């Protein structure tokens, strides 16, 4: 009896083992069949995508932009740390229209900005003013390299005043900028290298940089164009126009970091290797602008703008304790942070 019981138990274990093996083999076969079906489905999807792409009309023009109105208001009452009440408003806008067909690419971009601020006890002052138009045409040489020509115009809308000297009343402050005074123009031919879809580098060994000061009173201050001097170093007239010829490197990064955050940064480096002043040929003009836009809701956003300029030909006044201590080239920096209404189109 014991022998029969033992034989029954062994038979049961053997049956269970065979059943498990059969189940495992079945699952393996099912898995292989599913993989085969998946690969076939992927191939079908790829084929359909290719068919759809072939039948879809190409997008020759891509157009869009954004606009924003940012507000800032500061109110203080019995504030021990000090400060002044202030209100400001800034208008920002960008439009672009890009063309691409066969081997031809044409990029057009216009950035506009204007802002006003009022501190208690002071009049309304301009704190932002920008016109920046860029157009770049290219002919494809390789998948990532284009022969290109570039034109860039920068100026401002309104009058700007010198507020560095606190001893001067607002009504008597000198005008140091206005429309076309100054204006900066870049015109060049070179090569445009598309590192990625969102980052490109343009290099030109043949670039003309033109500075225009279309106002004699502003030109006479020699802020944007150095005065002409004779051999003895004596100034004998001021200039409304300056032409330079040299090399340009322009790097543009425009990337959506997330669905709601966009980063755009443009760096321009220019070297006038034909400057009559040989010592000045070693100087590089820097113009670096960065804009970060973040959408909080469909119509409310935050924007951060920074602008760095260093141009050895632009004279900046330096005051210490309301006393002018020097005039000369210096690194200029501007930052603008705002929260307000924005719309992307």
Protein backbone atom coordinates (compact mmCIF):
# COMPACT_ATOMS: atom_id res chain seq x y z
CA UNK A 1 0.00 0.00 0.00
CA UNK A 2 2.79 2.35 0.88
CA UNK A 3 4.47 1.56 -2.45
CA UNK A 4 1.28 2.41 -4.32
CA UNK A 5 0.89 5.72 -2.46
CA UNK A 6 4.51 6.68 -3.20
CA UNK A 7 4.05 5.75 -6.86
CA UNK A 8 0.90 7.88 -7.02
CA UNK A 9 2.63 10.89 -5.50
CA UNK A 10 5.59 10.60 -7.89
CA UNK A 11 3.23 10.30 -10.83
CA UNK A 12 1.36 13.43 -9.73
CA UNK A 13 4.59 15.44 -9.45
CA UNK A 14 5.69 14.22 -12.87
CA UNK A 15 2.34 15.21 -14.39
CA UNK A 16 2.50 18.68 -12.81
CA UNK A 17 6.06 19.21 -14.10
CA UNK A 18 5.07 18.23 -17.62
CA UNK A 19 2.03 20.49 -17.44
CA UNK A 20 4.18 23.45 -16.31
CA UNK A 21 6.67 22.78 -19.10
CA UNK A 22 3.86 22.69 -21.63
CA UNK A 23 2.48 25.99 -20.24
CA UNK A 24 5.93 27.66 -20.44
CA UNK A 25 6.47 26.52 -24.01
CA UNK A 26 3.02 27.78 -24.92
CA UNK A 27 3.79 31.21 -23.47
CA UNK A 28 7.14 31.36 -25.28
CA UNK A 29 5.49 30.55 -28.59
CA UNK A 30 2.78 33.16 -27.95
CA UNK A 31 5.45 35.75 -27.11
CA UNK A 32 7.34 35.07 -30.35
CA UNK A 33 4.13 35.36 -32.32
CA UNK A 34 3.29 38.68 -30.64
CA UNK A 35 6.80 40.03 -31.44
CA UNK A 36 6.35 39.06 -35.07
CA UNK A 37 2.97 40.81 -35.19
CA UNK A 38 4.49 43.90 -33.50
CA UNK A 39 7.29 44.17 -36.06
CA UNK A 40 4.77 43.81 -38.86
CA UNK A 41 2.62 46.53 -37.30
CA UNK A 42 5.65 48.84 -36.98
CA UNK A 43 6.54 48.30 -40.62
CA UNK A 44 2.95 49.06 -41.62
CA UNK A 45 2.91 52.26 -39.52
CA UNK A 46 6.22 53.38 -41.06
CA UNK A 47 4.85 52.76 -44.54
CA UNK A 48 1.66 54.68 -43.82
CA UNK A 49 3.66 57.60 -42.36
CA UNK A 50 5.74 57.70 -45.54
CA UNK A 51 2.60 57.65 -47.67
CA UNK A 52 0.99 60.45 -45.65
CA UNK A 53 4.19 62.54 -45.84
CA UNK A 54 4.37 62.04 -49.60
CA UNK A 55 0.73 63.08 -50.08
CA UNK A 56 0.84 66.05 -47.66
CA UNK A 57 1.57 69.38 -49.43
CA UNK A 58 4.88 70.87 -48.21
CA UNK A 59 4.72 73.85 -45.84
CA UNK A 60 6.61 76.56 -47.70
CA UNK A 61 5.93 79.41 -45.28
CA UNK A 62 5.94 79.17 -41.50
CA UNK A 63 4.55 82.25 -39.78
CA UNK A 64 3.85 83.18 -36.18
CA UNK A 65 4.89 85.25 -33.20
CA UNK A 66 3.81 86.42 -29.79
CA UNK A 67 2.82 89.60 -27.97
CA UNK A 68 2.88 90.45 -24.29
CA UNK A 69 1.92 93.26 -21.94
CA UNK A 70 3.75 93.17 -18.61
CA UNK A 71 2.87 95.21 -15.55
CA UNK A 72 4.84 95.93 -12.40
CA UNK A 73 3.65 97.92 -9.41
CA UNK A 74 5.42 98.58 -6.11
CA UNK A 75 3.67 100.22 -3.17
CA UNK A 76 5.37 101.01 0.16
CA UNK A 77 3.90 102.42 3.35
CA UNK A 78 6.06 103.04 6.42
CA UNK A 79 8.64 100.68 4.93
CA UNK A 80 11.65 100.74 7.26
CA UNK A 81 14.10 99.44 4.67
CA UNK A 82 13.32 102.33 2.31
CA UNK A 83 12.39 102.44 -1.33
CA UNK A 84 9.95 104.32 -3.54
CA UNK A 85 6.56 103.54 -5.02
CA UNK A 86 6.74 102.77 -8.72
CA UNK A 87 4.65 101.56 -11.63
CA UNK A 88 5.76 100.29 -15.01
CA UNK A 89 4.37 98.80 -18.20
CA UNK A 90 6.24 96.98 -20.96
CA UNK A 91 5.00 95.96 -24.39
CA UNK A 92 6.78 93.10 -26.17
CA UNK A 93 6.19 91.70 -29.62
CA UNK A 94 7.72 89.27 -32.08
CA UNK A 95 6.69 88.17 -35.56
CA UNK A 96 8.45 85.81 -37.92
CA UNK A 97 7.95 84.51 -41.46
CA UNK A 98 10.24 81.74 -42.68
CA UNK A 99 10.35 80.35 -46.21
CA UNK A 100 11.76 76.95 -47.20
CA UNK A 101 11.51 75.24 -50.56
CA UNK A 102 13.96 72.94 -52.33
CA UNK A 103 17.42 74.43 -51.64
CA UNK A 104 16.26 77.92 -50.69
CA UNK A 105 15.68 79.12 -47.11
CA UNK A 106 14.67 82.64 -46.07
CA UNK A 107 14.33 83.65 -42.42
CA UNK A 108 12.64 86.92 -41.33
CA UNK A 109 12.27 88.03 -37.71
CA UNK A 110 11.10 91.29 -36.11
CA UNK A 111 11.46 92.01 -32.37
CA UNK A 112 9.78 95.08 -30.88
CA UNK A 113 9.67 96.38 -27.31
CA UNK A 114 8.65 99.56 -25.52
CA UNK A 115 8.34 100.27 -21.81
CA UNK A 116 7.67 103.12 -19.38
CA UNK A 117 8.31 103.43 -15.66
CA UNK A 118 7.32 106.06 -13.11
CA UNK A 119 8.85 106.31 -9.66
CA UNK A 120 7.11 108.49 -7.10
CA UNK A 121 8.40 112.03 -7.28
CA UNK A 122 9.72 111.59 -10.83
CA UNK A 123 8.26 111.94 -14.29
CA UNK A 124 7.53 109.07 -16.64
CA UNK A 125 10.72 107.60 -18.05
CA UNK A 126 11.46 105.12 -20.80
CA UNK A 127 12.97 101.85 -19.57
CA UNK A 128 12.76 99.77 -22.76
CA UNK A 129 12.80 100.65 -26.45
CA UNK A 130 13.81 98.30 -29.26
CA UNK A 131 13.42 97.75 -32.98
CA UNK A 132 15.34 94.72 -34.24
CA UNK A 133 14.76 93.34 -37.74
CA UNK A 134 16.71 90.37 -39.11
CA UNK A 135 16.50 88.75 -42.53
CA UNK A 136 18.74 85.93 -43.71
CA UNK A 137 18.58 84.12 -47.06
CA UNK A 138 20.35 80.85 -47.67
CA UNK A 139 21.09 78.39 -50.46
CA UNK A 140 21.66 74.82 -49.28
CA UNK A 141 25.15 73.46 -49.92
CA UNK A 142 24.82 70.32 -47.77
CA UNK A 143 22.24 68.97 -45.35
CA UNK A 144 23.51 71.29 -42.60
CA UNK A 145 25.47 73.98 -44.45
CA UNK A 146 24.04 76.94 -46.39
CA UNK A 147 25.56 79.75 -48.39
CA UNK A 148 23.88 82.78 -46.79
CA UNK A 149 23.42 86.54 -46.84
CA UNK A 150 22.32 88.47 -43.73
CA UNK A 151 20.86 91.91 -43.04
CA UNK A 152 20.17 93.22 -39.54
CA UNK A 153 18.73 96.61 -38.49
CA UNK A 154 18.57 97.87 -34.90
CA UNK A 155 17.21 101.17 -33.57
CA UNK A 156 14.56 102.55 -31.19
CA UNK A 157 11.17 104.32 -31.39
CA UNK A 158 11.38 107.22 -28.98
CA UNK A 159 13.67 109.78 -27.40
CA UNK A 160 15.96 108.68 -24.60
CA UNK A 161 17.41 111.01 -21.99
CA UNK A 162 20.57 110.95 -19.91
CA UNK A 163 19.58 110.38 -16.26
CA UNK A 164 23.06 109.66 -14.90
CA UNK A 165 23.58 113.17 -13.53
CA UNK A 166 21.15 113.58 -10.61
CA UNK A 167 21.84 117.33 -10.34
CA UNK A 168 20.01 118.10 -13.61
CA UNK A 169 16.25 118.65 -13.66
CA UNK A 170 14.24 116.29 -15.84
CA UNK A 171 13.12 119.15 -18.11
CA UNK A 172 16.74 120.04 -18.86
CA UNK A 173 18.15 116.57 -19.45
CA UNK A 174 19.92 116.07 -22.78
CA UNK A 175 18.49 113.78 -25.43
CA UNK A 176 20.96 110.97 -26.16
CA UNK A 177 18.89 108.74 -28.44
CA UNK A 178 15.89 108.78 -30.77
CA UNK A 179 14.72 106.99 -33.91
CA UNK A 180 17.74 106.49 -36.22
CA UNK A 181 19.99 108.11 -33.65
CA UNK A 182 21.59 105.72 -33.30
CA UNK A 183 20.78 102.95 -35.76
CA UNK A 184 23.03 99.96 -36.40
CA UNK A 185 23.06 97.98 -39.64
CA UNK A 186 24.85 94.72 -40.42
CA UNK A 187 25.11 93.43 -43.98
CA UNK A 188 27.16 90.35 -44.77
CA UNK A 189 27.65 87.18 -46.79
CA UNK A 190 28.94 83.93 -45.35
CA UNK A 191 28.07 80.38 -44.37
CA UNK A 192 25.25 79.25 -42.09
CA UNK A 193 25.75 75.96 -40.22
CA UNK A 194 22.65 74.32 -38.75
CA UNK A 195 23.95 72.35 -35.79
CA UNK A 196 20.42 71.20 -34.88
CA UNK A 197 16.87 72.25 -35.71
CA UNK A 198 17.03 74.84 -32.92
CA UNK A 199 20.67 75.99 -33.02
CA UNK A 200 22.60 77.57 -35.90
CA UNK A 201 25.91 79.38 -36.32
CA UNK A 202 26.50 81.95 -39.05
CA UNK A 203 30.08 82.95 -39.94
CA UNK A 204 31.01 85.73 -42.33
CA UNK A 205 34.50 87.02 -43.21
CA UNK A 206 32.92 89.88 -45.19
CA UNK A 207 30.59 92.00 -43.06
CA UNK A 208 29.78 95.68 -43.20
CA UNK A 209 28.73 97.36 -39.96
CA UNK A 210 27.18 100.80 -40.29
CA UNK A 211 26.37 103.20 -37.46
CA UNK A 212 23.97 106.06 -38.16
CA UNK A 213 23.30 109.04 -35.85
CA UNK A 214 20.66 111.03 -37.70
CA UNK A 215 20.70 113.97 -35.28
CA UNK A 216 23.49 116.56 -35.11
CA UNK A 217 23.00 117.36 -31.41
CA UNK A 218 23.27 113.68 -30.46
CA UNK A 219 26.17 113.12 -32.87
CA UNK A 220 28.07 116.03 -31.29
CA UNK A 221 28.18 114.13 -27.98
CA UNK A 222 30.34 111.44 -29.68
CA UNK A 223 28.60 108.67 -27.77
CA UNK A 224 28.13 106.22 -30.62
CA UNK A 225 30.71 107.42 -33.16
CA UNK A 226 34.14 108.73 -32.10
CA UNK A 227 35.00 112.24 -33.22
CA UNK A 228 37.46 112.68 -36.06
CA UNK A 229 40.78 114.08 -34.95
CA UNK A 230 43.79 115.47 -36.77
CA UNK A 231 47.35 114.18 -36.57
CA UNK A 232 47.90 116.16 -33.38
CA UNK A 233 44.94 114.48 -31.73
CA UNK A 234 42.74 117.59 -31.86
CA UNK A 235 39.05 116.99 -32.53
CA UNK A 236 37.85 118.96 -35.53
CA UNK A 237 34.42 117.56 -36.42
CA UNK A 238 31.87 114.98 -35.40
CA UNK A 239 30.37 112.23 -37.52
CA UNK A 240 26.82 111.17 -38.30
CA UNK A 241 27.90 107.99 -40.08
CA UNK A 242 30.54 105.34 -39.50
CA UNK A 243 31.29 102.37 -41.76
CA UNK A 244 33.28 99.37 -40.59
CA UNK A 245 34.31 96.21 -42.43
CA UNK A 246 35.24 92.95 -40.74
CA UNK A 247 34.14 89.48 -39.66
CA UNK A 248 30.90 88.42 -37.99
CA UNK A 249 29.90 85.38 -35.97
CA UNK A 250 26.21 85.04 -35.17
CA UNK A 251 24.85 82.17 -33.07
CA UNK A 252 21.08 81.69 -32.64
CA UNK A 253 19.41 79.31 -30.19
CA UNK A 254 15.62 79.03 -30.28
CA UNK A 255 14.26 76.05 -28.35
CA UNK A 256 11.11 75.03 -26.50
CA UNK A 257 12.50 73.74 -23.20
CA UNK A 258 9.04 72.44 -22.31
CA UNK A 259 5.58 72.90 -23.78
CA UNK A 260 5.27 76.13 -21.81
CA UNK A 261 8.83 77.48 -21.73
CA UNK A 262 10.70 78.90 -24.73
CA UNK A 263 14.31 80.09 -24.78
CA UNK A 264 15.70 82.32 -27.52
CA UNK A 265 19.25 83.63 -27.39
CA UNK A 266 21.22 85.50 -30.07
CA UNK A 267 24.95 86.24 -29.81
CA UNK A 268 26.66 88.52 -32.34
CA UNK A 269 30.45 88.98 -32.34
CA UNK A 270 31.97 91.50 -34.78
CA UNK A 271 35.60 92.35 -35.37
CA UNK A 272 36.63 95.33 -37.50
CA UNK A 273 39.95 94.08 -38.84
CA UNK A 274 40.24 97.09 -41.17
CA UNK A 275 40.11 99.75 -38.43
CA UNK A 276 42.49 102.65 -39.15
CA UNK A 277 43.48 102.47 -35.52
CA UNK A 278 45.46 99.21 -35.56
CA UNK A 279 45.24 98.84 -31.77
CA UNK A 280 41.45 98.80 -32.04
CA UNK A 281 41.49 95.81 -34.41
CA UNK A 282 41.91 93.50 -31.43
CA UNK A 283 38.58 94.58 -29.94
CA UNK A 284 35.47 92.49 -30.54
CA UNK A 285 32.00 94.05 -30.42
CA UNK A 286 29.60 91.90 -28.38
CA UNK A 287 25.81 91.99 -28.64
CA UNK A 288 24.04 89.22 -26.73
CA UNK A 289 20.26 89.07 -26.22
CA UNK A 290 18.34 86.37 -24.39
CA UNK A 291 14.59 86.01 -23.93
CA UNK A 292 12.80 83.39 -21.80
CA UNK A 293 9.01 83.15 -22.11
CA UNK A 294 6.98 80.96 -19.76
CA UNK A 295 3.24 80.40 -20.05
CA UNK A 296 1.40 80.20 -16.72
CA UNK A 297 -2.02 79.94 -18.35
CA UNK A 298 -3.29 80.38 -21.90
CA UNK A 299 -3.09 84.17 -21.59
CA UNK A 300 -0.82 84.90 -18.62
CA UNK A 301 2.92 84.53 -18.83
CA UNK A 302 6.29 85.49 -17.39
CA UNK A 303 9.10 86.88 -19.52
CA UNK A 304 12.75 87.51 -18.71
CA UNK A 305 14.94 89.52 -21.09
CA UNK A 306 18.65 90.25 -20.77
CA UNK A 307 20.89 92.27 -23.08
CA UNK A 308 24.68 92.57 -22.93
CA UNK A 309 26.58 95.05 -25.14
CA UNK A 310 30.26 95.82 -25.35
CA UNK A 311 31.39 98.12 -28.14
CA UNK A 312 34.72 99.86 -27.89
CA UNK A 313 33.39 102.76 -29.99
CA UNK A 314 30.48 103.59 -27.64
CA UNK A 315 31.39 106.05 -24.90
CA UNK A 316 29.61 105.53 -21.58
CA UNK A 317 29.70 108.16 -18.82
CA UNK A 318 30.70 107.00 -15.35
CA UNK A 319 29.54 108.98 -12.32
CA UNK A 320 30.60 108.62 -8.70
CA UNK A 321 28.64 110.61 -6.09
CA UNK A 322 27.04 112.61 -8.92
CA UNK A 323 30.48 113.57 -10.25
CA UNK A 324 31.61 112.61 -13.75
CA UNK A 325 34.84 110.65 -13.32
CA UNK A 326 35.30 109.22 -16.80
CA UNK A 327 33.95 108.48 -20.26
CA UNK A 328 34.79 105.42 -22.27
CA UNK A 329 33.81 101.94 -23.45
CA UNK A 330 32.17 99.76 -20.83
CA UNK A 331 30.10 96.60 -20.72
CA UNK A 332 26.41 97.50 -20.79
CA UNK A 333 23.82 95.22 -19.20
CA UNK A 334 20.03 95.38 -19.17
CA UNK A 335 17.54 93.06 -17.47
CA UNK A 336 13.77 93.11 -17.79
CA UNK A 337 11.47 90.78 -15.84
CA UNK A 338 7.73 90.99 -16.22
CA UNK A 339 4.45 89.20 -15.56
CA UNK A 340 1.39 89.97 -17.64
CA UNK A 341 -0.84 89.05 -20.52
CA UNK A 342 0.69 87.18 -23.45
CA UNK A 343 -0.60 85.65 -26.64
CA UNK A 344 1.14 83.30 -29.05
CA UNK A 345 0.02 83.06 -32.65
